[in-house]
PDB file of N, CA and C in Angstrom:
ATOM      1  N   UNK A   1       0.886  -1.232   0.029  1.00  0.00           N
ATOM      2  CA  UNK A   1      -0.023   0.002   0.006  1.00  0.00           C
ATOM      3  C   UNK A   1       0.868   1.283   0.034  1.00  0.00           C
ATOM      4  N   UNK A   2       0.549   2.171  -0.904  1.00  0.00           N
ATOM      5  CA  UNK A   2       1.363   3.430  -1.015  1.00  0.00           C
ATOM      6  C   UNK A   2       0.625   4.546  -0.310  1.00  0.00           C
ATOM      7  N   UNK A   3       1.369   5.173   0.582  1.00  0.00           N
ATOM      8  CA  UNK A   3       0.801   6.347   1.350  1.00  0.00           C
ATOM      9  C   UNK A   3       1.324   7.587   0.705  1.00  0.00           C
ATOM     10  N   UNK A   4       0.396   8.535   0.334  1.00  0.00           N
ATOM     11  CA  UNK A   4       0.759   9.792  -0.223  1.00  0.00           C
ATOM     12  C   UNK A   4       1.104  10.792   0.862  1.00  0.00           C
ATOM     13  N   UNK A   5       2.089  11.685   0.606  1.00  0.00           N
ATOM     14  CA  UNK A   5       2.393  12.699   1.675  1.00  0.00           C
ATOM     15  C   UNK A   5       1.827  14.001   1.194  1.00  0.00           C
ATOM     16  N   UNK A   6       1.080  14.623   2.089  1.00  0.00           N
ATOM     17  CA  UNK A   6       0.460  15.930   1.778  1.00  0.00           C
ATOM     18  C   UNK A   6       1.488  16.950   1.859  1.00  0.00           C
ATOM     19  N   UNK A   7       1.655  17.788   0.763  1.00  0.00           N
ATOM     20  CA  UNK A   7       2.651  18.831   0.746  1.00  0.00           C
ATOM     21  C   UNK A   7       1.951  20.169   0.806  1.00  0.00           C
ATOM     22  N   UNK A   8       2.412  20.966   1.785  1.00  0.00           N
ATOM     23  CA  UNK A   8       1.715  22.296   1.963  1.00  0.00           C
ATOM     24  C   UNK A   8       2.154  23.283   0.883  1.00  0.00           C
ATOM     25  N   UNK A   9       1.418  24.375   0.793  1.00  0.00           N
ATOM     26  CA  UNK A   9       1.864  25.368  -0.184  1.00  0.00           C
ATOM     27  C   UNK A   9       3.228  25.952   0.180  1.00  0.00           C
ATOM     28  N   UNK A  10       3.500  26.106   1.447  1.00  0.00           N
ATOM     29  CA  UNK A  10       4.791  26.642   1.822  1.00  0.00           C
ATOM     30  C   UNK A  10       5.928  25.725   1.349  1.00  0.00           C
ATOM     31  N   UNK A  11       5.706  24.428   1.540  1.00  0.00           N
ATOM     32  CA  UNK A  11       6.711  23.378   1.090  1.00  0.00           C
ATOM     33  C   UNK A  11       6.886  23.433  -0.385  1.00  0.00           C
ATOM     34  N   UNK A  12       5.760  23.595  -1.171  1.00  0.00           N
ATOM     35  CA  UNK A  12       5.851  23.636  -2.632  1.00  0.00           C
ATOM     36  C   UNK A  12       6.582  24.874  -3.073  1.00  0.00           C
ATOM     37  N   UNK A  13       6.385  26.041  -2.372  1.00  0.00           N
ATOM     38  CA  UNK A  13       7.091  27.267  -2.783  1.00  0.00           C
ATOM     39  C   UNK A  13       8.531  27.151  -2.394  1.00  0.00           C
ATOM     40  N   UNK A  14       8.929  26.559  -1.296  1.00  0.00           N
ATOM     41  CA  UNK A  14      10.300  26.380  -0.906  1.00  0.00           C
ATOM     42  C   UNK A  14      10.996  25.462  -1.861  1.00  0.00           C
ATOM     43  N   UNK A  15      10.358  24.356  -2.274  1.00  0.00           N
ATOM     44  CA  UNK A  15      10.933  23.441  -3.154  1.00  0.00           C
ATOM     45  C   UNK A  15      11.115  24.023  -4.504  1.00  0.00           C
ATOM     46  N   UNK A  16      10.192  24.891  -4.950  1.00  0.00           N
ATOM     47  CA  UNK A  16      10.285  25.528  -6.246  1.00  0.00           C
ATOM     48  C   UNK A  16      11.442  26.521  -6.272  1.00  0.00           C
ATOM     49  N   UNK A  17      11.475  27.269  -5.116  1.00  0.00           N
ATOM     50  CA  UNK A  17      12.619  28.255  -5.095  1.00  0.00           C
ATOM     51  C   UNK A  17      13.964  27.572  -5.161  1.00  0.00           C
ATOM     52  N   UNK A  18      14.082  26.446  -4.441  1.00  0.00           N
ATOM     53  CA  UNK A  18      15.356  25.744  -4.428  1.00  0.00           C
ATOM     54  C   UNK A  18      15.684  25.186  -5.830  1.00  0.00           C
ATOM     55  N   UNK A  19      14.645  24.670  -6.581  1.00  0.00           N
ATOM     56  CA  UNK A  19      14.851  24.191  -7.850  1.00  0.00           C
ATOM     57  C   UNK A  19      15.335  25.266  -8.848  1.00  0.00           C
ATOM     58  N   UNK A  20      14.676  26.459  -8.679  1.00  0.00           N
ATOM     59  CA  UNK A  20      15.104  27.629  -9.515  1.00  0.00           C
ATOM     60  C   UNK A  20      16.534  27.980  -9.233  1.00  0.00           C
ATOM     61  N   UNK A  21      16.935  28.014  -7.941  1.00  0.00           N
ATOM     62  CA  UNK A  21      18.322  28.305  -7.574  1.00  0.00           C
ATOM     63  C   UNK A  21      19.274  27.363  -8.186  1.00  0.00           C
ATOM     64  N   UNK A  22      18.957  26.036  -8.029  1.00  0.00           N
ATOM     65  CA  UNK A  22      19.819  25.074  -8.618  1.00  0.00           C
ATOM     66  C   UNK A  22      19.975  25.157 -10.131  1.00  0.00           C
ATOM     67  N   UNK A  23      18.876  25.470 -10.724  1.00  0.00           N
ATOM     68  CA  UNK A  23      18.913  25.703 -12.203  1.00  0.00           C
ATOM     69  C   UNK A  23      19.730  26.865 -12.577  1.00  0.00           C
ATOM     70  N   UNK A  24      19.689  27.901 -11.859  1.00  0.00           N
ATOM     71  CA  UNK A  24      20.606  29.094 -12.119  1.00  0.00           C
ATOM     72  C   UNK A  24      21.999  28.737 -11.953  1.00  0.00           C
ATOM     73  N   UNK A  25      22.282  28.023 -10.885  1.00  0.00           N
ATOM     74  CA  UNK A  25      23.727  27.627 -10.620  1.00  0.00           C
ATOM     75  C   UNK A  25      24.262  26.774 -11.771  1.00  0.00           C
ATOM     76  N   UNK A  26      23.439  25.777 -12.203  1.00  0.00           N
ATOM     77  CA  UNK A  26      23.945  24.952 -13.227  1.00  0.00           C
ATOM     78  C   UNK A  26      24.136  25.727 -14.529  1.00  0.00           C
ATOM     79  N   UNK A  27      23.196  26.638 -14.883  1.00  0.00           N
ATOM     80  CA  UNK A  27      23.256  27.453 -16.015  1.00  0.00           C
ATOM     81  C   UNK A  27      24.586  28.396 -15.960  1.00  0.00           C
ATOM     82  N   UNK A  28      24.841  28.864 -14.794  1.00  0.00           N
ATOM     83  CA  UNK A  28      26.059  29.614 -14.621  1.00  0.00           C
ATOM     84  C   UNK A  28      27.343  28.843 -14.848  1.00  0.00           C
ATOM     85  N   UNK A  29      27.355  27.577 -14.388  1.00  0.00           N
ATOM     86  CA  UNK A  29      28.484  26.714 -14.538  1.00  0.00           C
ATOM     87  C   UNK A  29      28.678  26.360 -15.955  1.00  0.00           C
ATOM     88  N   UNK A  30      27.589  26.108 -16.680  1.00  0.00           N
ATOM     89  CA  UNK A  30      27.657  25.811 -18.130  1.00  0.00           C
ATOM     90  C   UNK A  30      28.265  27.045 -18.911  1.00  0.00           C
ATOM     91  N   UNK A  31      27.794  28.172 -18.536  1.00  0.00           N
ATOM     92  CA  UNK A  31      28.266  29.436 -19.201  1.00  0.00           C
ATOM     93  C   UNK A  31      29.713  29.638 -18.897  1.00  0.00           C
ATOM     94  N   UNK A  32      30.169  29.360 -17.679  1.00  0.00           N
ATOM     95  CA  UNK A  32      31.558  29.528 -17.207  1.00  0.00           C
ATOM     96  C   UNK A  32      32.450  28.551 -18.010  1.00  0.00           C
ATOM     97  N   UNK A  33      32.033  27.229 -18.108  1.00  0.00           N
ATOM     98  CA  UNK A  33      32.837  26.329 -18.878  1.00  0.00           C
ATOM     99  C   UNK A  33      32.909  26.655 -20.301  1.00  0.00           C
ATOM    100  N   UNK A  34      31.803  27.187 -20.886  1.00  0.00           N
ATOM    101  CA  UNK A  34      31.780  27.637 -22.281  1.00  0.00           C
ATOM    102  C   UNK A  34      32.841  28.662 -22.471  1.00  0.00           C
ATOM    103  N   UNK A  35      32.848  29.740 -21.668  1.00  0.00           N
ATOM    104  CA  UNK A  35      33.734  30.834 -21.801  1.00  0.00           C
ATOM    105  C   UNK A  35      35.185  30.409 -21.722  1.00  0.00           C
ATOM    106  N   UNK A  36      35.494  29.531 -20.667  1.00  0.00           N
ATOM    107  CA  UNK A  36      36.814  29.017 -20.481  1.00  0.00           C
ATOM    108  C   UNK A  36      37.276  28.290 -21.726  1.00  0.00           C
ATOM    109  N   UNK A  37      36.369  27.427 -22.314  1.00  0.00           N
ATOM    110  CA  UNK A  37      36.727  26.620 -23.483  1.00  0.00           C
ATOM    111  C   UNK A  37      37.039  27.555 -24.630  1.00  0.00           C
ATOM    112  N   UNK A  38      36.271  28.540 -24.833  1.00  0.00           N
ATOM    113  CA  UNK A  38      36.519  29.505 -25.985  1.00  0.00           C
ATOM    114  C   UNK A  38      37.839  30.196 -25.766  1.00  0.00           C
ATOM    115  N   UNK A  39      38.158  30.630 -24.540  1.00  0.00           N
ATOM    116  CA  UNK A  39      39.389  31.319 -24.283  1.00  0.00           C
ATOM    117  C   UNK A  39      40.543  30.370 -24.535  1.00  0.00           C
ATOM    118  N   UNK A  40      40.482  29.140 -24.030  1.00  0.00           N
ATOM    119  CA  UNK A  40      41.556  28.163 -24.171  1.00  0.00           C
ATOM    120  C   UNK A  40      41.853  27.893 -25.684  1.00  0.00           C
ATOM    121  N   UNK A  41      40.778  27.782 -26.461  1.00  0.00           N
ATOM    122  CA  UNK A  41      40.880  27.480 -27.849  1.00  0.00           C
ATOM    123  C   UNK A  41      41.528  28.695 -28.548  1.00  0.00           C
ATOM    124  N   UNK A  42      41.357  29.921 -27.972  1.00  0.00           N
ATOM    125  CA  UNK A  42      41.935  31.082 -28.541  1.00  0.00           C
ATOM    126  C   UNK A  42      40.967  31.837 -29.408  1.00  0.00           C
ATOM    127  N   UNK A  43      39.633  31.717 -29.224  1.00  0.00           N
ATOM    128  CA  UNK A  43      38.730  32.314 -30.025  1.00  0.00           C
ATOM    129  C   UNK A  43      38.523  33.849 -29.601  1.00  0.00           C
ATOM    130  N   UNK A  44      38.906  34.221 -28.451  1.00  0.00           N
ATOM    131  CA  UNK A  44      38.797  35.613 -28.000  1.00  0.00           C
ATOM    132  C   UNK A  44      40.165  36.201 -27.809  1.00  0.00           C
ATOM    133  N   UNK A  45      40.402  37.359 -28.489  1.00  0.00           N
ATOM    134  CA  UNK A  45      41.647  38.044 -28.304  1.00  0.00           C
ATOM    135  C   UNK A  45      42.893  37.347 -28.800  1.00  0.00           C
ATOM    136  N   UNK A  46      42.635  36.310 -29.614  1.00  0.00           N
ATOM    137  CA  UNK A  46      43.783  35.468 -30.067  1.00  0.00           C
ATOM    138  C   UNK A  46      44.148  35.958 -31.444  1.00  0.00           C
TER     139      UNK A  46
END
């Protein structure tokens, strides 16, 4: 038997905010790696 857990609006909001923050951090890391790669290859100022 599966028991469902009731999630309050406050918990939903908190979880959503955490997910958004994680997404922004991941996007920032992707952008950082992209810039570092371009610089290493010599695409900028080379």
